[in-house]
């Protein structure tokens, strides 16, 4: 079992959209090879390659 103390501290953000408050918690591994921005960019690009654009 992985020791949770070895991971970086969690980040908690609150976003209010209309009358709803969304609480988003995130954490990252200290040995990660890419940052969050790079990972999201990569995921979006991969997703766009899979789906043809309907015109």
C-alpha atoms as a PDB file:
ATOM      1  CA  UNK A   1       0.000   0.000   0.000  1.00  0.00           C
ATOM      2  CA  UNK A   2       1.294   3.469  -0.885  1.00  0.00           C
ATOM      3  CA  UNK A   3       2.158   5.838   1.931  1.00  0.00           C
ATOM      4  CA  UNK A   4       0.091   9.019   1.507  1.00  0.00           C
ATOM      5  CA  UNK A   5       2.693  11.113   3.325  1.00  0.00           C
ATOM      6  CA  UNK A   6       5.091  10.693   0.394  1.00  0.00           C
ATOM      7  CA  UNK A   7       2.849  12.685  -1.956  1.00  0.00           C
ATOM      8  CA  UNK A   8       2.821  16.446  -2.336  1.00  0.00           C
ATOM      9  CA  UNK A   9       0.249  18.396  -0.316  1.00  0.00           C
ATOM     10  CA  UNK A  10      -3.250  18.630  -1.741  1.00  0.00           C
ATOM     11  CA  UNK A  11      -4.671  21.779  -3.249  1.00  0.00           C
ATOM     12  CA  UNK A  12      -8.288  22.723  -2.596  1.00  0.00           C
ATOM     13  CA  UNK A  13     -10.149  25.298  -4.695  1.00  0.00           C
ATOM     14  CA  UNK A  14     -13.728  26.472  -4.572  1.00  0.00           C
ATOM     15  CA  UNK A  15     -15.537  27.640  -7.694  1.00  0.00           C
ATOM     16  CA  UNK A  16     -18.959  29.233  -7.609  1.00  0.00           C
ATOM     17  CA  UNK A  17     -21.100  28.827 -10.701  1.00  0.00           C
ATOM     18  CA  UNK A  18     -24.546  30.298 -10.229  1.00  0.00           C
ATOM     19  CA  UNK A  19     -25.860  29.071  -6.886  1.00  0.00           C
ATOM     20  CA  UNK A  20     -23.610  26.010  -6.838  1.00  0.00           C
ATOM     21  CA  UNK A  21     -20.223  25.854  -5.149  1.00  0.00           C
ATOM     22  CA  UNK A  22     -17.832  23.244  -6.541  1.00  0.00           C
ATOM     23  CA  UNK A  23     -14.968  22.106  -4.318  1.00  0.00           C
ATOM     24  CA  UNK A  24     -12.064  20.740  -6.342  1.00  0.00           C
ATOM     25  CA  UNK A  25      -9.264  18.844  -4.614  1.00  0.00           C
ATOM     26  CA  UNK A  26      -6.069  17.942  -6.408  1.00  0.00           C
ATOM     27  CA  UNK A  27      -2.705  16.472  -5.581  1.00  0.00           C
ATOM     28  CA  UNK A  28       0.402  15.553  -7.475  1.00  0.00           C
ATOM     29  CA  UNK A  29       3.160  13.050  -7.131  1.00  0.00           C
ATOM     30  CA  UNK A  30       6.560  14.421  -6.172  1.00  0.00           C
ATOM     31  CA  UNK A  31       8.177  12.261  -8.877  1.00  0.00           C
ATOM     32  CA  UNK A  32       5.831  13.376 -11.687  1.00  0.00           C
ATOM     33  CA  UNK A  33       7.470  13.842 -15.084  1.00  0.00           C
ATOM     34  CA  UNK A  34       5.099  16.546 -16.389  1.00  0.00           C
ATOM     35  CA  UNK A  35       3.211  19.411 -14.797  1.00  0.00           C
ATOM     36  CA  UNK A  36      -0.595  19.744 -14.754  1.00  0.00           C
ATOM     37  CA  UNK A  37      -0.744  22.239 -17.627  1.00  0.00           C
ATOM     38  CA  UNK A  38       1.290  19.973 -19.912  1.00  0.00           C
ATOM     39  CA  UNK A  39      -0.822  16.963 -18.999  1.00  0.00           C
ATOM     40  CA  UNK A  40      -4.142  18.707 -19.653  1.00  0.00           C
ATOM     41  CA  UNK A  41      -2.817  20.080 -22.949  1.00  0.00           C
ATOM     42  CA  UNK A  42      -1.723  16.568 -23.964  1.00  0.00           C
ATOM     43  CA  UNK A  43      -5.091  15.064 -22.996  1.00  0.00           C
ATOM     44  CA  UNK A  44      -7.013  17.685 -24.992  1.00  0.00           C
ATOM     45  CA  UNK A  45      -4.833  17.223 -28.073  1.00  0.00           C
ATOM     46  CA  UNK A  46      -5.220  13.443 -27.894  1.00  0.00           C
ATOM     47  CA  UNK A  47      -8.982  13.804 -27.534  1.00  0.00           C
ATOM     48  CA  UNK A  48      -9.191  16.159 -30.527  1.00  0.00           C
ATOM     49  CA  UNK A  49      -7.280  13.674 -32.688  1.00  0.00           C
ATOM     50  CA  UNK A  50      -9.855  10.973 -31.916  1.00  0.00           C
ATOM     51  CA  UNK A  51     -12.986  12.999 -32.765  1.00  0.00           C
ATOM     52  CA  UNK A  52     -13.634  14.376 -36.255  1.00  0.00           C
ATOM     53  CA  UNK A  53     -15.002  17.928 -36.335  1.00  0.00           C
ATOM     54  CA  UNK A  54     -18.548  18.078 -37.721  1.00  0.00           C
ATOM     55  CA  UNK A  55     -19.097  21.071 -40.002  1.00  0.00           C
END
